[in-house]
Amino acid sequence: MNSEYISGRCYEKTDFRIEGLPSAEYEACRFISCDFSESDFSNFSFTDCEFIDCNLSLVKLIFTGFRDVKFTGCKMIGLHFDQCNDFGLSFSFEKCFLDQSVFFRKKLKKCCFKNCHLIEADFTECDLSGSLFENCNLSGSIFDNTNLEMADFRSAYNFSINPEQNRINKARFSRQNLEGLLKKYNLMIDN
């Protein structure tokens, strides 16, 4: 555990690529327009924090704690959320680029993704029950042995979900995006 505890601070327009963010436990902090790309957040803890318009691409997340963290307008390419600390893991994403990020085996019940790019994201063996994918591009994303029960995909697009390999009981879809459930059958669907 980190010995330093930082609460209520706001970091704005800071480039952390060279010196890095100090290893600490952060609570109720805001990070606005900061660049963390390729930084190491291993063993950091963030609780009730907000990241707004930040670049977090390729940040190392080994045993990183995220508890009630909001990401808005962030670039988060290639993150390995599968390496995060599972204890209390909860976050939400709005207008974020999460392309090629990995969520393998994470319990993300009721996780909220709004207006996000999740191109080639890996949700293999995740528990996404009750999660929301509002207006999200899921092109090439992997859903394999994933719990999607009661998840909301009504405005999501470009997804391919095999109903035989995922739990989709009471998941919500719109008529316009049902094709994403039928791709496996190689059907020709007319509009």
Protein backbone atom coordinates (compact mmCIF):
# COMPACT_ATOMS: atom_id res chain seq x y z
CA MET A 1 0.00 0.00 0.00
CA ASN A 2 1.15 3.54 -0.68
CA SER A 3 2.28 5.58 2.32
CA GLU A 4 1.26 8.89 0.73
CA TYR A 5 -2.38 9.96 0.80
CA ILE A 6 -3.58 12.83 -1.42
CA SER A 7 -7.13 14.14 -1.16
CA GLY A 8 -9.11 16.82 -2.97
CA ARG A 9 -6.36 18.01 -5.30
CA CYS A 10 -6.89 19.19 -8.85
CA TYR A 11 -4.16 18.57 -11.42
CA GLU A 12 -4.64 20.55 -14.62
CA LYS A 13 -2.76 20.57 -17.95
CA THR A 14 0.17 18.64 -16.51
CA ASP A 15 2.48 16.38 -18.50
CA PHE A 16 3.34 13.40 -16.27
CA ARG A 17 5.23 11.47 -18.97
CA ILE A 18 8.69 12.46 -17.73
CA GLU A 19 8.53 12.68 -13.93
CA GLY A 20 5.35 10.71 -13.41
CA LEU A 21 2.51 11.11 -10.96
CA PRO A 22 3.75 10.39 -7.40
CA SER A 23 2.84 6.92 -6.17
CA ALA A 24 0.01 7.45 -3.70
CA GLU A 25 -3.55 6.80 -2.68
CA TYR A 26 -5.69 9.49 -4.36
CA GLU A 27 -9.15 10.35 -3.11
CA ALA A 28 -11.61 12.90 -4.56
CA CYS A 29 -8.95 14.25 -6.92
CA ARG A 30 -9.51 15.67 -10.41
CA PHE A 31 -7.15 15.30 -13.33
CA ILE A 32 -7.96 17.66 -16.21
CA SER A 33 -6.16 17.66 -19.58
CA CYS A 34 -3.17 15.74 -18.20
CA ASP A 35 -0.89 13.44 -20.20
CA PHE A 36 -0.08 10.15 -18.47
CA SER A 37 0.69 8.15 -21.64
CA GLU A 38 2.98 5.17 -20.96
CA SER A 39 3.15 6.03 -17.22
CA ASP A 40 3.20 3.41 -14.49
CA PHE A 41 0.18 3.43 -12.12
CA SER A 42 1.12 0.08 -10.57
CA ASN A 43 -0.11 -0.16 -6.97
CA PHE A 44 -1.74 3.30 -7.11
CA SER A 45 -5.22 3.72 -5.68
CA PHE A 46 -7.88 6.13 -6.99
CA THR A 47 -11.15 6.58 -5.09
CA ASP A 48 -13.93 8.99 -6.14
CA CYS A 49 -11.58 10.59 -8.68
CA GLU A 50 -12.28 12.12 -12.09
CA PHE A 51 -10.12 12.06 -15.21
CA ILE A 52 -11.28 14.62 -17.79
CA ASP A 53 -9.75 14.97 -21.28
CA CYS A 54 -6.62 13.07 -20.23
CA ASN A 55 -4.33 10.79 -22.24
CA LEU A 56 -3.87 7.51 -20.38
CA SER A 57 -2.83 5.38 -23.36
CA LEU A 58 -0.58 2.43 -22.52
CA VAL A 59 -0.52 3.23 -18.78
CA LYS A 60 0.58 0.24 -16.69
CA LEU A 61 -2.21 -0.81 -14.31
CA ILE A 62 -0.66 -3.63 -12.30
CA PHE A 63 -2.70 -3.92 -9.08
CA THR A 64 -4.09 -0.40 -9.59
CA GLY A 65 -7.21 0.35 -7.57
CA PHE A 66 -10.10 2.21 -9.20
CA ARG A 67 -13.11 2.77 -6.94
CA ASP A 68 -15.94 4.96 -8.24
CA VAL A 69 -13.70 6.65 -10.82
CA LYS A 70 -15.13 8.63 -13.76
CA PHE A 71 -13.34 8.99 -17.07
CA THR A 72 -14.68 11.63 -19.47
CA GLY A 73 -13.23 12.46 -22.88
CA CYS A 74 -10.09 10.42 -22.24
CA LYS A 75 -7.80 8.61 -24.66
CA MET A 76 -7.18 5.19 -23.09
CA ILE A 77 -5.77 3.02 -25.87
CA GLY A 78 -4.36 -0.42 -25.01
CA LEU A 79 -5.02 -0.46 -21.26
CA HIS A 80 -4.92 -3.76 -19.36
CA PHE A 81 -7.74 -3.36 -16.87
CA ASP A 82 -7.40 -7.12 -16.33
CA GLN A 83 -4.33 -6.36 -14.18
CA CYS A 84 -6.19 -3.96 -11.84
CA ASN A 85 -6.95 -4.66 -8.20
CA ASP A 86 -10.36 -6.37 -8.04
CA PHE A 87 -11.29 -4.95 -4.63
CA GLY A 88 -14.12 -2.43 -5.11
CA LEU A 89 -13.33 -2.06 -8.81
CA SER A 90 -15.84 0.38 -10.32
CA PHE A 91 -15.61 3.05 -12.95
CA SER A 92 -17.59 4.72 -15.72
CA PHE A 93 -16.57 6.00 -19.12
CA GLU A 94 -18.05 8.78 -21.26
CA LYS A 95 -16.70 9.91 -24.65
CA CYS A 96 -13.57 7.80 -24.17
CA PHE A 97 -11.39 5.95 -26.66
CA LEU A 98 -10.79 2.51 -25.13
CA ASP A 99 -9.63 0.77 -28.30
CA GLN A 100 -7.66 -2.46 -27.76
CA SER A 101 -8.19 -2.34 -24.01
CA VAL A 102 -8.45 -5.59 -22.07
CA PHE A 103 -11.10 -6.25 -19.39
CA PHE A 104 -10.51 -10.04 -19.22
CA ARG A 105 -12.33 -11.72 -16.30
CA LYS A 106 -13.27 -8.46 -14.56
CA LYS A 107 -16.49 -8.09 -12.57
CA LEU A 108 -17.96 -4.88 -13.99
CA LYS A 109 -21.61 -5.15 -13.02
CA LYS A 110 -23.62 -2.07 -14.02
CA CYS A 111 -20.59 -0.47 -15.65
CA CYS A 112 -21.50 2.54 -17.78
CA PHE A 113 -19.98 3.17 -21.22
CA LYS A 114 -21.47 6.22 -22.99
CA ASN A 115 -20.45 7.44 -26.44
CA CYS A 116 -17.23 5.41 -26.30
CA HIS A 117 -15.02 3.77 -28.90
CA LEU A 118 -14.33 0.21 -27.76
CA ILE A 119 -12.79 -1.06 -30.98
CA GLU A 120 -11.15 -4.48 -30.51
CA ALA A 121 -11.66 -4.37 -26.73
CA ASP A 122 -11.52 -7.74 -24.96
CA PHE A 123 -14.42 -8.56 -22.62
CA THR A 124 -13.70 -12.30 -22.45
CA GLU A 125 -15.15 -13.93 -19.30
CA CYS A 126 -16.27 -10.56 -17.86
CA ASP A 127 -19.33 -10.04 -15.74
CA LEU A 128 -21.01 -7.07 -17.46
CA SER A 129 -24.47 -7.83 -16.14
CA GLY A 130 -26.64 -4.72 -16.04
CA SER A 131 -24.02 -2.65 -17.89
CA LEU A 132 -24.86 0.11 -20.34
CA PHE A 133 -23.26 0.51 -23.77
CA GLU A 134 -24.92 3.73 -24.92
CA ASN A 135 -23.98 4.78 -28.46
CA CYS A 136 -20.73 2.77 -28.33
CA ASN A 137 -18.72 1.46 -31.27
CA LEU A 138 -17.85 -2.16 -30.44
CA SER A 139 -16.27 -3.11 -33.76
CA GLY A 140 -14.04 -6.16 -33.35
CA SER A 141 -14.65 -6.36 -29.59
CA ILE A 142 -14.50 -9.84 -28.10
CA PHE A 143 -17.36 -11.23 -26.05
CA ASP A 144 -16.59 -14.85 -25.14
CA ASN A 145 -18.14 -16.58 -22.12
CA THR A 146 -19.22 -13.11 -20.99
CA ASN A 147 -22.14 -12.42 -18.67
CA LEU A 148 -24.26 -9.82 -20.49
CA GLU A 149 -27.50 -10.48 -18.63
CA MET A 150 -29.65 -7.33 -18.45
CA ALA A 151 -26.95 -5.31 -20.28
CA ASP A 152 -28.22 -2.54 -22.55
CA PHE A 153 -26.98 -2.58 -26.15
CA ARG A 154 -29.96 -0.73 -27.68
CA SER A 155 -27.85 2.08 -29.15
CA ALA A 156 -24.54 0.19 -29.45
CA TYR A 157 -23.29 -0.66 -32.91
CA ASN A 158 -20.77 -2.78 -34.86
CA PHE A 159 -20.80 -5.52 -32.21
CA SER A 160 -20.77 -9.26 -32.79
CA ILE A 161 -22.05 -11.33 -29.88
CA ASN A 162 -22.57 -15.07 -30.16
CA PRO A 163 -25.69 -15.91 -28.09
CA GLU A 164 -24.47 -19.50 -27.71
CA GLN A 165 -21.18 -18.50 -26.08
CA ASN A 166 -22.41 -15.67 -23.84
CA ARG A 167 -25.08 -15.21 -21.21
CA ILE A 168 -27.56 -12.71 -22.68
CA ASN A 169 -30.74 -13.37 -20.69
CA LYS A 170 -32.84 -10.17 -20.57
CA ALA A 171 -30.12 -8.13 -22.34
CA ARG A 172 -31.62 -5.26 -24.32
CA PHE A 173 -31.13 -4.75 -28.05
CA SER A 174 -32.88 -2.63 -30.67
CA ARG A 175 -34.33 -4.03 -33.88
CA GLN A 176 -31.68 -2.09 -35.80
CA ASN A 177 -28.75 -3.82 -34.12
CA LEU A 178 -30.00 -7.42 -33.96
CA GLU A 179 -27.64 -8.22 -36.82
CA GLY A 180 -24.83 -8.19 -34.22
CA LEU A 181 -26.37 -11.30 -32.64
CA LEU A 182 -26.75 -13.13 -35.95
CA LYS A 183 -23.33 -12.63 -37.63
CA LYS A 184 -22.24 -16.13 -36.67
CA TYR A 185 -24.97 -17.55 -38.91
CA ASN A 186 -23.75 -15.67 -42.02
CA LEU A 187 -27.26 -14.48 -42.82
CA MET A 188 -28.09 -11.81 -45.38
CA ILE A 189 -30.25 -9.26 -43.57
CA ASP A 190 -32.01 -6.54 -45.56
CA ASN A 191 -32.93 -3.18 -44.07
